[in-house]
Amino acid sequence: MNILNKLNKRNRGFTLIEILIVLVILAGIVAMLTKGTIGGRNAARVNQMKLDMSGRIATAVIARAAVLGKVPDAKNDLTTVYLGTDLTDPFGGTYQFDSDDKNKKVTIKPQSGGEAAKLGVPPVVVDLTPYVP
């Protein structure tokens, strides 16, 4: 009977090693889930930024060029009339505009040094040749 009592007392709880192993496994699972979630958010922001640049902002550039009859003066001609004042990208930065009067093009790109630029979001070039004489 003495041997049975010793076995019962010994198997009552978990050892410190067992608890640590479980904690390490749980920490690994949480790390994997967190990494996947953050990567998904960045991918969604990059897609939203590409859509903004090639859609909403490019359309405003074309519309403004058609009204002015010339290449818009980068940000000044666009923000107040066609885009309002909200030119914040999904990462919290701003869009940058480069006007090229000679080639009749406007380049829309993410803020240099910003999160979007670090992720490699490509610029969008809007050709205004059909809209500007």
C-alpha atoms as a PDB file:
ATOM      1  CA  MET A   1       0.000   0.000   0.000  1.00  0.00           C
ATOM      2  CA  ASN A   2       2.907   2.311   0.678  1.00  0.00           C
ATOM      3  CA  ILE A   3       4.109   2.083  -2.932  1.00  0.00           C
ATOM      4  CA  LEU A   4       0.673   3.044  -4.297  1.00  0.00           C
ATOM      5  CA  ASN A   5       0.536   6.147  -2.098  1.00  0.00           C
ATOM      6  CA  LYS A   6       3.926   7.301  -3.366  1.00  0.00           C
ATOM      7  CA  LEU A   7       2.843   6.858  -7.010  1.00  0.00           C
ATOM      8  CA  ASN A   8      -0.408   8.775  -6.465  1.00  0.00           C
ATOM      9  CA  LYS A   9       1.354  11.690  -4.755  1.00  0.00           C
ATOM     10  CA  ARG A  10       3.979  11.905  -7.499  1.00  0.00           C
ATOM     11  CA  ASN A  11       1.523  12.105 -10.452  1.00  0.00           C
ATOM     12  CA  ARG A  12      -0.740  14.866  -9.090  1.00  0.00           C
ATOM     13  CA  GLY A  13       0.564  17.962 -10.950  1.00  0.00           C
ATOM     14  CA  PHE A  14       2.643  19.094 -13.878  1.00  0.00           C
ATOM     15  CA  THR A  15       6.346  19.613 -13.590  1.00  0.00           C
ATOM     16  CA  LEU A  16       7.958  22.945 -14.362  1.00  0.00           C
ATOM     17  CA  ILE A  17       9.507  21.508 -17.539  1.00  0.00           C
ATOM     18  CA  GLU A  18       6.110  20.386 -18.868  1.00  0.00           C
ATOM     19  CA  ILE A  19       4.607  23.820 -18.273  1.00  0.00           C
ATOM     20  CA  LEU A  20       7.537  25.545 -19.986  1.00  0.00           C
ATOM     21  CA  ILE A  21       7.257  23.269 -23.025  1.00  0.00           C
ATOM     22  CA  VAL A  22       3.553  24.118 -23.378  1.00  0.00           C
ATOM     23  CA  LEU A  23       4.307  27.851 -23.069  1.00  0.00           C
ATOM     24  CA  VAL A  24       6.999  27.665 -25.752  1.00  0.00           C
ATOM     25  CA  ILE A  25       4.628  25.867 -28.127  1.00  0.00           C
ATOM     26  CA  LEU A  26       1.872  28.453 -27.514  1.00  0.00           C
ATOM     27  CA  ALA A  27       4.310  31.333 -28.039  1.00  0.00           C
ATOM     28  CA  GLY A  28       5.367  29.821 -31.380  1.00  0.00           C
ATOM     29  CA  ILE A  29       1.757  29.529 -32.539  1.00  0.00           C
ATOM     30  CA  VAL A  30       1.001  33.127 -31.535  1.00  0.00           C
ATOM     31  CA  ALA A  31       4.119  34.365 -33.356  1.00  0.00           C
ATOM     32  CA  MET A  32       3.105  32.580 -36.569  1.00  0.00           C
ATOM     33  CA  LEU A  33      -0.444  33.938 -36.445  1.00  0.00           C
ATOM     34  CA  THR A  34       0.708  37.490 -35.741  1.00  0.00           C
ATOM     35  CA  LYS A  35       3.196  37.484 -38.604  1.00  0.00           C
ATOM     36  CA  GLY A  36       0.546  36.320 -41.053  1.00  0.00           C
ATOM     37  CA  THR A  37      -1.935  38.946 -39.915  1.00  0.00           C
ATOM     38  CA  ILE A  38       0.508  41.836 -40.240  1.00  0.00           C
ATOM     39  CA  GLY A  39       1.621  40.669 -43.677  1.00  0.00           C
ATOM     40  CA  GLY A  40      -1.994  40.508 -44.808  1.00  0.00           C
ATOM     41  CA  ARG A  41      -2.656  44.045 -43.613  1.00  0.00           C
ATOM     42  CA  ASN A  42       0.341  45.402 -45.494  1.00  0.00           C
ATOM     43  CA  ALA A  43      -0.701  43.596 -48.671  1.00  0.00           C
ATOM     44  CA  ALA A  44      -4.192  45.100 -48.404  1.00  0.00           C
ATOM     45  CA  ARG A  45      -2.746  48.592 -47.897  1.00  0.00           C
ATOM     46  CA  VAL A  46      -0.442  48.194 -50.898  1.00  0.00           C
ATOM     47  CA  ASN A  47      -3.398  47.099 -53.066  1.00  0.00           C
ATOM     48  CA  GLN A  48      -5.491  50.041 -51.847  1.00  0.00           C
ATOM     49  CA  MET A  49      -2.647  52.410 -52.651  1.00  0.00           C
ATOM     50  CA  LYS A  50      -2.232  51.009 -56.166  1.00  0.00           C
ATOM     51  CA  LEU A  51      -5.983  51.382 -56.742  1.00  0.00           C
ATOM     52  CA  ASP A  52      -5.934  54.976 -55.468  1.00  0.00           C
ATOM     53  CA  MET A  53      -3.016  55.975 -57.683  1.00  0.00           C
ATOM     54  CA  SER A  54      -4.220  54.271 -60.865  1.00  0.00           C
ATOM     55  CA  GLY A  55      -7.902  55.034 -60.315  1.00  0.00           C
ATOM     56  CA  ARG A  56      -9.054  57.989 -58.277  1.00  0.00           C
ATOM     57  CA  ILE A  57      -5.931  60.144 -58.501  1.00  0.00           C
ATOM     58  CA  ALA A  58      -5.132  59.340 -62.156  1.00  0.00           C
ATOM     59  CA  THR A  59      -8.720  60.185 -63.125  1.00  0.00           C
ATOM     60  CA  ALA A  60      -8.445  63.519 -61.307  1.00  0.00           C
ATOM     61  CA  VAL A  61      -5.172  64.269 -63.118  1.00  0.00           C
ATOM     62  CA  ILE A  62      -6.776  63.528 -66.497  1.00  0.00           C
ATOM     63  CA  ALA A  63      -9.890  65.570 -65.711  1.00  0.00           C
ATOM     64  CA  ARG A  64      -7.841  68.541 -64.536  1.00  0.00           C
ATOM     65  CA  ALA A  65      -5.589  68.374 -67.608  1.00  0.00           C
ATOM     66  CA  ALA A  66      -8.638  68.343 -69.880  1.00  0.00           C
ATOM     67  CA  VAL A  67     -10.066  71.444 -68.157  1.00  0.00           C
ATOM     68  CA  LEU A  68      -6.772  73.364 -68.023  1.00  0.00           C
ATOM     69  CA  GLY A  69      -5.577  72.302 -71.460  1.00  0.00           C
ATOM     70  CA  LYS A  70      -2.123  71.747 -69.986  1.00  0.00           C
ATOM     71  CA  VAL A  71      -0.285  69.393 -67.666  1.00  0.00           C
ATOM     72  CA  PRO A  72      -1.469  70.090 -64.108  1.00  0.00           C
ATOM     73  CA  ASP A  73       1.045  71.766 -61.819  1.00  0.00           C
ATOM     74  CA  ALA A  74       1.625  68.689 -59.688  1.00  0.00           C
ATOM     75  CA  LYS A  75      -0.162  68.814 -56.353  1.00  0.00           C
ATOM     76  CA  ASN A  76      -1.341  72.444 -56.436  1.00  0.00           C
ATOM     77  CA  ASP A  77      -3.816  72.035 -59.292  1.00  0.00           C
ATOM     78  CA  LEU A  78      -5.230  68.772 -57.982  1.00  0.00           C
ATOM     79  CA  THR A  79      -5.814  68.914 -54.257  1.00  0.00           C
ATOM     80  CA  THR A  80      -8.306  71.738 -53.960  1.00  0.00           C
ATOM     81  CA  VAL A  81     -10.387  71.190 -57.071  1.00  0.00           C
ATOM     82  CA  TYR A  82     -10.579  67.485 -57.845  1.00  0.00           C
ATOM     83  CA  LEU A  83      -9.240  65.503 -54.931  1.00  0.00           C
ATOM     84  CA  GLY A  84     -10.127  67.648 -51.965  1.00  0.00           C
ATOM     85  CA  THR A  85      -7.487  67.712 -49.292  1.00  0.00           C
ATOM     86  CA  ASP A  86      -7.394  64.006 -48.468  1.00  0.00           C
ATOM     87  CA  LEU A  87      -4.221  62.772 -50.123  1.00  0.00           C
ATOM     88  CA  THR A  88      -3.152  60.475 -47.325  1.00  0.00           C
ATOM     89  CA  ASP A  89      -2.109  57.010 -48.402  1.00  0.00           C
ATOM     90  CA  PRO A  90      -3.174  53.886 -46.441  1.00  0.00           C
ATOM     91  CA  PHE A  91       0.162  53.909 -44.585  1.00  0.00           C
ATOM     92  CA  GLY A  92      -0.346  57.473 -43.324  1.00  0.00           C
ATOM     93  CA  GLY A  93       2.066  59.109 -45.787  1.00  0.00           C
ATOM     94  CA  THR A  94       1.226  61.388 -48.697  1.00  0.00           C
ATOM     95  CA  TYR A  95       1.254  60.901 -52.450  1.00  0.00           C
ATOM     96  CA  GLN A  96       3.882  62.779 -54.449  1.00  0.00           C
ATOM     97  CA  PHE A  97       3.386  64.219 -57.917  1.00  0.00           C
ATOM     98  CA  ASP A  98       5.982  64.978 -60.561  1.00  0.00           C
ATOM     99  CA  SER A  99       4.805  66.944 -63.606  1.00  0.00           C
ATOM    100  CA  ASP A 100       6.632  66.591 -66.908  1.00  0.00           C
ATOM    101  CA  ASP A 101       5.389  69.335 -69.256  1.00  0.00           C
ATOM    102  CA  LYS A 102       7.677  68.319 -72.112  1.00  0.00           C
ATOM    103  CA  ASN A 103       6.440  64.705 -72.309  1.00  0.00           C
ATOM    104  CA  LYS A 104       2.916  65.563 -71.091  1.00  0.00           C
ATOM    105  CA  LYS A 105       3.034  63.117 -68.192  1.00  0.00           C
ATOM    106  CA  VAL A 106       2.385  63.176 -64.463  1.00  0.00           C
ATOM    107  CA  THR A 107       3.987  60.610 -62.170  1.00  0.00           C
ATOM    108  CA  ILE A 108       2.140  59.674 -58.982  1.00  0.00           C
ATOM    109  CA  LYS A 109       4.248  57.910 -56.378  1.00  0.00           C
ATOM    110  CA  PRO A 110       4.332  57.124 -52.665  1.00  0.00           C
ATOM    111  CA  GLN A 111       6.089  59.406 -50.227  1.00  0.00           C
ATOM    112  CA  SER A 112       9.819  58.810 -50.470  1.00  0.00           C
ATOM    113  CA  GLY A 113      11.168  57.221 -47.318  1.00  0.00           C
ATOM    114  CA  GLY A 114       7.666  56.201 -46.249  1.00  0.00           C
ATOM    115  CA  GLU A 115       6.410  52.706 -45.474  1.00  0.00           C
ATOM    116  CA  ALA A 116       4.892  52.271 -48.945  1.00  0.00           C
ATOM    117  CA  ALA A 117       8.173  53.171 -50.645  1.00  0.00           C
ATOM    118  CA  LYS A 118       9.987  50.651 -48.460  1.00  0.00           C
ATOM    119  CA  LEU A 119       7.525  47.956 -49.557  1.00  0.00           C
ATOM    120  CA  GLY A 120       8.223  48.782 -53.206  1.00  0.00           C
ATOM    121  CA  VAL A 121       4.923  50.281 -54.340  1.00  0.00           C
ATOM    122  CA  PRO A 122       5.566  51.270 -57.966  1.00  0.00           C
ATOM    123  CA  PRO A 123       4.769  54.758 -59.267  1.00  0.00           C
ATOM    124  CA  VAL A 124       1.930  55.349 -61.721  1.00  0.00           C
ATOM    125  CA  VAL A 125       2.643  57.408 -64.844  1.00  0.00           C
ATOM    126  CA  VAL A 126      -0.366  59.161 -66.361  1.00  0.00           C
ATOM    127  CA  ASP A 127       0.064  59.981 -70.044  1.00  0.00           C
ATOM    128  CA  LEU A 128      -1.817  63.195 -70.831  1.00  0.00           C
ATOM    129  CA  THR A 129      -1.002  63.334 -74.563  1.00  0.00           C
ATOM    130  CA  PRO A 130      -4.643  62.797 -75.676  1.00  0.00           C
ATOM    131  CA  TYR A 131      -5.901  65.503 -73.300  1.00  0.00           C
ATOM    132  CA  VAL A 132      -3.289  68.260 -73.675  1.00  0.00           C
ATOM    133  CA  PRO A 133      -2.603  69.956 -77.035  1.00  0.00           C
END
